[in-house]
Amino acid sequence: MPLRHIAMALLVVVIWGFNFVVIKLSVAALPPLLAAALRFLFAAVPLVFIIKPPKVAWQLVVAYGFAFGVGLYGFLNLSMAWGMSAGLSSLTLQTQAFFTMALAFVLLGERPRPTQILGAAIAFAGIAVIASERLGGTALLPLGMNLMAALSWGLANVLIKKAGRVDPVSLTVWGALVVPLPLLALSLLVEGPGTVMTALAGFSWADAGLIAFLAYPATLLGMAIWSWLMARHPASVVAPFTLLVPITGLASGYLVLGETVTPIEIAGALLVIAGLVVTLLRSRPRQTI
């Protein structure tokens, strides 16, 4: 992999890690579901008038939009608004790899490798360790919401695979167009019309800057670079870079927000990362003599 391509992959890792800090700031400034709706409104408009629709059934585009937008970022924003830290969110969300594996088995008939099953078991043991510190109070609910976000991301990954060879940027933009109205409806229902109207009336340039970062670098630029790299290199070469996202997420949370993690959370985090590493291992074929 050329050095320039490695630098591009590392840029995506930094953007996606810092993305969690910006989400945390956005849900502090705005109602969380409204913030997610605005993120995808910014991502879709005006690019939807420039980029052609993906050459795939519209039902799949709608399903992808609901999974990636309404599901992933609806649950993620709520979990972070309700107390999940930016750094820990960046870590636990990586369980999407195992949800993707399970959903691909159920929906596509893809049988996981033994190392993938072992990796999933190790990672979810890490999640159990993290959860053990949260059983005594309301902190368990944000963790559960974060795992629901990871499940939604896994479903979105399976839908992308089902779509086949499709322009990922086009799918992202047109999928984003599906998201704002359902999330706005949920925001009005859950957060209340008064809260939503007050937030919109007080929408500032600082709020716009947060949403713009989430829409453009984090969603569109990150996806475009990542898809470009995946098209030019084996997945086994590109995929391991995602292991750095929790590291940049935890570092960003510490440097920008002053977040810290407990020893138990560190132990659980190490298990999750170990599980992700194990899933990347491939069994070597036996040599015959």
Protein backbone atom coordinates (compact mmCIF):
# COMPACT_ATOMS: atom_id res chain seq x y z
CA MET A 1 0.00 0.00 0.00
CA PRO A 2 1.64 3.30 -1.08
CA LEU A 3 2.50 5.81 1.63
CA ARG A 4 0.02 8.32 0.17
CA HIS A 5 -2.80 5.78 0.50
CA ILE A 6 -1.77 5.01 4.08
CA ALA A 7 -1.93 8.74 4.83
CA MET A 8 -5.43 8.88 3.34
CA ALA A 9 -6.55 5.95 5.49
CA LEU A 10 -5.09 7.61 8.59
CA LEU A 11 -6.90 10.84 7.72
CA VAL A 12 -10.21 8.94 7.69
CA VAL A 13 -9.33 7.33 11.03
CA VAL A 14 -8.68 10.75 12.59
CA ILE A 15 -11.89 12.23 11.13
CA TRP A 16 -14.02 9.29 12.27
CA GLY A 17 -12.45 9.29 15.74
CA PHE A 18 -12.92 13.04 16.21
CA ASN A 19 -16.47 12.63 14.84
CA PHE A 20 -17.55 11.28 18.24
CA VAL A 21 -16.38 14.44 20.01
CA VAL A 22 -18.36 16.59 17.58
CA ILE A 23 -21.45 14.39 18.06
CA LYS A 24 -21.09 14.86 21.83
CA LEU A 25 -20.89 18.63 21.37
CA SER A 26 -23.84 18.64 18.95
CA VAL A 27 -26.15 16.73 21.31
CA ALA A 28 -25.20 19.14 24.09
CA ALA A 29 -26.18 22.08 21.90
CA LEU A 30 -29.25 20.57 20.20
CA PRO A 31 -31.87 17.90 20.87
CA PRO A 32 -30.10 14.65 19.82
CA LEU A 33 -32.66 13.42 17.26
CA LEU A 34 -32.94 16.89 15.73
CA ALA A 35 -29.13 17.06 15.47
CA ALA A 36 -29.12 13.75 13.59
CA ALA A 37 -31.88 14.96 11.26
CA LEU A 38 -29.94 18.15 10.45
CA ARG A 39 -26.76 16.12 9.85
CA PHE A 40 -28.41 14.17 7.05
CA LEU A 41 -30.26 17.19 5.68
CA PHE A 42 -26.89 18.90 5.25
CA ALA A 43 -25.41 15.73 3.72
CA ALA A 44 -28.23 15.34 1.18
CA VAL A 45 -28.84 18.95 0.12
CA PRO A 46 -27.67 20.30 -2.28
CA LEU A 47 -25.65 17.25 -3.47
CA VAL A 48 -28.83 15.31 -4.25
CA PHE A 49 -29.41 17.79 -7.10
CA ILE A 50 -25.93 17.12 -8.51
CA ILE A 51 -25.26 13.42 -7.96
CA LYS A 52 -27.30 10.88 -9.93
CA PRO A 53 -29.32 8.28 -8.01
CA PRO A 54 -27.57 4.93 -7.44
CA LYS A 55 -28.40 2.20 -9.93
CA VAL A 56 -30.20 0.02 -7.43
CA ALA A 57 -33.81 -0.62 -6.38
CA TRP A 58 -35.28 2.37 -4.54
CA GLN A 59 -36.52 0.06 -1.76
CA LEU A 60 -32.91 -0.79 -0.95
CA VAL A 61 -31.95 2.92 -0.86
CA VAL A 62 -34.81 3.60 1.56
CA ALA A 63 -33.85 0.61 3.73
CA TYR A 64 -30.21 1.72 3.75
CA GLY A 65 -31.22 5.25 4.74
CA PHE A 66 -33.30 3.97 7.65
CA ALA A 67 -30.53 1.61 8.84
CA PHE A 68 -27.57 3.97 8.44
CA GLY A 69 -29.31 7.23 9.29
CA VAL A 70 -32.39 6.69 11.45
CA GLY A 71 -31.08 3.58 13.21
CA LEU A 72 -27.34 4.19 13.57
CA TYR A 73 -27.32 7.91 14.31
CA GLY A 74 -30.69 8.03 16.04
CA PHE A 75 -29.53 5.49 18.62
CA LEU A 76 -25.96 6.84 18.75
CA ASN A 77 -27.02 10.44 19.36
CA LEU A 78 -29.46 9.39 22.07
CA SER A 79 -26.86 7.20 23.79
CA MET A 80 -24.34 10.06 23.88
CA ALA A 81 -26.94 12.61 24.98
CA TRP A 82 -27.93 10.27 27.82
CA GLY A 83 -24.40 9.87 29.15
CA MET A 84 -22.25 7.68 26.89
CA SER A 85 -18.81 9.29 26.50
CA ALA A 86 -17.37 10.09 23.08
CA GLY A 87 -14.35 7.81 23.59
CA LEU A 88 -16.27 4.81 24.86
CA SER A 89 -18.87 5.25 22.10
CA SER A 90 -16.14 5.09 19.46
CA LEU A 91 -15.05 1.77 20.95
CA THR A 92 -18.34 -0.04 21.54
CA LEU A 93 -19.69 1.01 18.15
CA GLN A 94 -16.98 -1.16 16.54
CA THR A 95 -19.04 -4.19 17.55
CA GLN A 96 -20.83 -3.43 14.27
CA ALA A 97 -18.27 -5.79 12.71
CA PHE A 98 -19.77 -8.72 14.62
CA PHE A 99 -23.37 -7.67 14.02
CA THR A 100 -22.50 -7.47 10.32
CA MET A 101 -21.12 -11.01 10.49
CA ALA A 102 -24.25 -12.35 12.23
CA LEU A 103 -26.69 -10.56 9.91
CA ALA A 104 -24.74 -11.67 6.83
CA PHE A 105 -25.10 -15.25 8.04
CA VAL A 106 -28.86 -14.90 8.63
CA LEU A 107 -29.76 -12.79 5.59
CA LEU A 108 -27.10 -13.71 3.01
CA GLY A 109 -26.08 -17.20 4.10
CA GLU A 110 -22.43 -16.22 4.63
CA ARG A 111 -20.89 -18.66 7.08
CA PRO A 112 -18.42 -17.00 9.49
CA ARG A 113 -14.91 -18.37 9.98
CA PRO A 114 -14.01 -19.93 13.35
CA THR A 115 -11.66 -17.00 14.06
CA GLN A 116 -14.54 -14.56 13.49
CA ILE A 117 -16.74 -16.41 15.98
CA LEU A 118 -13.89 -16.48 18.51
CA GLY A 119 -13.24 -12.77 17.95
CA ALA A 120 -16.91 -11.96 18.49
CA ALA A 121 -16.93 -13.94 21.75
CA ILE A 122 -13.84 -12.09 23.02
CA ALA A 123 -15.21 -8.66 22.04
CA PHE A 124 -18.62 -9.20 23.62
CA ALA A 125 -16.86 -10.44 26.76
CA GLY A 126 -15.24 -6.99 26.75
CA ILE A 127 -18.67 -5.36 26.38
CA ALA A 128 -19.87 -7.44 29.34
CA VAL A 129 -16.91 -6.19 31.40
CA ILE A 130 -17.78 -2.58 30.52
CA ALA A 131 -21.46 -3.22 31.28
CA SER A 132 -20.62 -4.75 34.68
CA GLU A 133 -19.68 -1.29 35.95
CA ARG A 134 -22.97 0.15 34.74
CA LEU A 135 -25.46 -2.36 36.13
CA GLY A 136 -26.09 -0.37 39.28
CA GLY A 137 -27.68 2.68 37.65
CA THR A 138 -29.08 4.29 34.53
CA ALA A 139 -25.71 4.13 32.73
CA LEU A 140 -26.61 0.73 31.27
CA LEU A 141 -29.30 2.26 29.02
CA PRO A 142 -26.89 4.46 27.00
CA LEU A 143 -24.63 1.43 26.48
CA GLY A 144 -27.62 -0.56 25.21
CA MET A 145 -28.55 2.26 22.84
CA ASN A 146 -24.97 2.31 21.57
CA LEU A 147 -25.15 -1.42 20.84
CA MET A 148 -28.45 -0.84 18.98
CA ALA A 149 -26.59 1.74 16.89
CA ALA A 150 -23.92 -0.89 16.13
CA LEU A 151 -26.65 -3.36 15.13
CA SER A 152 -28.13 -0.75 12.76
CA TRP A 153 -24.68 -0.17 11.24
CA GLY A 154 -24.32 -3.91 10.73
CA LEU A 155 -27.65 -3.98 8.88
CA ALA A 156 -26.52 -1.06 6.71
CA ASN A 157 -23.33 -2.97 5.83
CA VAL A 158 -25.37 -6.01 4.77
CA LEU A 159 -27.61 -3.80 2.62
CA ILE A 160 -24.53 -2.32 0.92
CA LYS A 161 -23.30 -5.83 0.18
CA LYS A 162 -26.72 -6.79 -1.15
CA ALA A 163 -26.66 -3.72 -3.43
CA GLY A 164 -23.54 -5.07 -5.16
CA ARG A 165 -21.31 -2.81 -7.26
CA VAL A 166 -22.92 0.56 -6.64
CA ASP A 167 -21.44 4.06 -6.30
CA PRO A 168 -21.07 4.41 -2.50
CA VAL A 169 -21.16 8.23 -2.58
CA SER A 170 -24.39 8.19 -4.59
CA LEU A 171 -25.89 5.63 -2.20
CA THR A 172 -24.83 7.72 0.80
CA VAL A 173 -26.25 10.98 -0.56
CA TRP A 174 -29.56 9.52 -1.72
CA GLY A 175 -29.83 7.37 1.39
CA ALA A 176 -29.30 10.53 3.45
CA LEU A 177 -32.29 12.11 1.70
CA VAL A 178 -34.51 9.45 3.30
CA VAL A 179 -33.41 10.29 6.84
CA PRO A 180 -34.33 13.89 7.85
CA LEU A 181 -38.14 13.60 7.83
CA PRO A 182 -38.39 10.37 9.90
CA LEU A 183 -35.84 11.71 12.41
CA LEU A 184 -37.63 15.07 12.57
CA ALA A 185 -40.91 13.25 13.23
CA LEU A 186 -39.23 11.23 16.01
CA SER A 187 -37.70 14.40 17.40
CA LEU A 188 -41.11 16.09 17.56
CA LEU A 189 -42.57 12.98 19.21
CA VAL A 190 -39.78 12.27 21.71
CA GLU A 191 -38.24 15.68 22.34
CA GLY A 192 -41.39 17.72 21.89
CA PRO A 193 -42.44 20.48 19.44
CA GLY A 194 -41.53 23.22 21.91
CA THR A 195 -37.98 21.93 22.37
CA VAL A 196 -37.50 21.51 18.62
CA MET A 197 -38.83 24.99 17.77
CA THR A 198 -36.69 26.60 20.48
CA ALA A 199 -33.58 24.82 19.16
CA LEU A 200 -34.29 25.86 15.57
CA ALA A 201 -35.03 29.44 16.58
CA GLY A 202 -31.72 29.63 18.45
CA PHE A 203 -29.70 27.76 15.77
CA SER A 204 -26.32 29.52 15.64
CA TRP A 205 -23.26 29.56 13.40
CA ALA A 206 -21.51 27.38 15.96
CA ASP A 207 -24.33 24.82 15.69
CA ALA A 208 -24.09 24.99 11.90
CA GLY A 209 -20.36 24.36 12.09
CA LEU A 210 -20.86 21.23 14.19
CA ILE A 211 -23.53 19.86 11.85
CA ALA A 212 -21.45 20.73 8.77
CA PHE A 213 -18.48 18.75 10.12
CA LEU A 214 -20.72 15.75 10.78
CA ALA A 215 -22.29 15.96 7.32
CA TYR A 216 -19.29 16.65 5.10
CA PRO A 217 -15.93 15.43 6.47
CA ALA A 218 -17.34 12.71 8.74
CA THR A 219 -20.08 11.35 6.46
CA LEU A 220 -19.36 12.22 2.83
CA LEU A 221 -15.56 12.71 2.68
CA GLY A 222 -14.82 9.82 5.00
CA MET A 223 -17.07 7.46 3.06
CA ALA A 224 -15.65 8.60 -0.30
CA ILE A 225 -12.01 8.08 0.70
CA TRP A 226 -12.73 4.77 2.42
CA SER A 227 -14.64 3.40 -0.58
CA TRP A 228 -11.87 4.59 -2.92
CA LEU A 229 -9.27 2.71 -0.86
CA MET A 230 -11.43 -0.43 -0.61
CA ALA A 231 -11.77 -0.47 -4.40
CA ARG A 232 -7.98 -0.38 -4.89
CA HIS A 233 -6.68 -2.63 -2.11
CA PRO A 234 -7.76 -5.92 -0.52
CA ALA A 235 -10.24 -5.52 2.31
CA SER A 236 -7.78 -7.37 4.57
CA VAL A 237 -5.30 -4.51 4.04
CA VAL A 238 -7.72 -1.61 4.50
CA ALA A 239 -10.06 -2.96 7.20
CA PRO A 240 -7.45 -3.11 10.02
CA PHE A 241 -7.20 0.69 9.98
CA THR A 242 -10.65 0.80 11.64
CA LEU A 243 -8.96 -0.61 14.77
CA LEU A 244 -7.39 2.84 15.18
CA VAL A 245 -10.77 4.64 15.29
CA PRO A 246 -11.37 3.85 19.00
CA ILE A 247 -7.83 5.01 19.77
CA THR A 248 -8.36 8.37 18.05
CA GLY A 249 -11.85 8.55 19.56
CA LEU A 250 -10.58 7.96 23.11
CA ALA A 251 -7.69 10.39 22.58
CA SER A 252 -10.01 13.07 21.17
CA GLY A 253 -12.43 12.61 24.05
CA TYR A 254 -9.60 13.03 26.54
CA LEU A 255 -7.92 16.01 24.83
CA VAL A 256 -11.06 17.99 23.89
CA LEU A 257 -13.66 16.99 26.47
CA GLY A 258 -11.44 15.87 29.35
CA GLU A 259 -13.02 12.40 29.37
CA THR A 260 -11.37 9.60 31.30
CA VAL A 261 -11.97 5.86 31.43
CA THR A 262 -11.95 3.65 34.50
CA PRO A 263 -9.63 0.64 34.90
CA ILE A 264 -12.60 -1.70 34.31
CA GLU A 265 -13.49 0.15 31.10
CA ILE A 266 -9.86 -0.07 29.97
CA ALA A 267 -9.91 -3.84 30.57
CA GLY A 268 -13.13 -4.17 28.58
CA ALA A 269 -11.74 -1.94 25.81
CA LEU A 270 -8.65 -4.13 25.47
CA LEU A 271 -10.86 -7.21 25.12
CA VAL A 272 -12.97 -5.52 22.43
CA ILE A 273 -9.86 -4.51 20.46
CA ALA A 274 -8.42 -8.02 20.89
CA GLY A 275 -11.64 -9.48 19.53
CA LEU A 276 -11.48 -7.18 16.51
CA VAL A 277 -7.87 -8.22 15.86
CA VAL A 278 -8.76 -11.93 16.07
CA THR A 279 -11.51 -11.51 13.45
CA LEU A 280 -8.89 -10.28 10.99
CA LEU A 281 -6.86 -13.49 11.32
CA ARG A 282 -7.30 -15.99 8.54
CA SER A 283 -6.75 -19.69 9.02
CA ARG A 284 -3.87 -20.90 6.90
CA PRO A 285 -4.66 -23.82 4.61
CA ARG A 286 -3.01 -27.07 5.59
CA GLN A 287 -0.02 -28.05 3.51
CA THR A 288 -0.03 -31.52 2.06
CA ILE A 289 3.20 -33.50 1.88
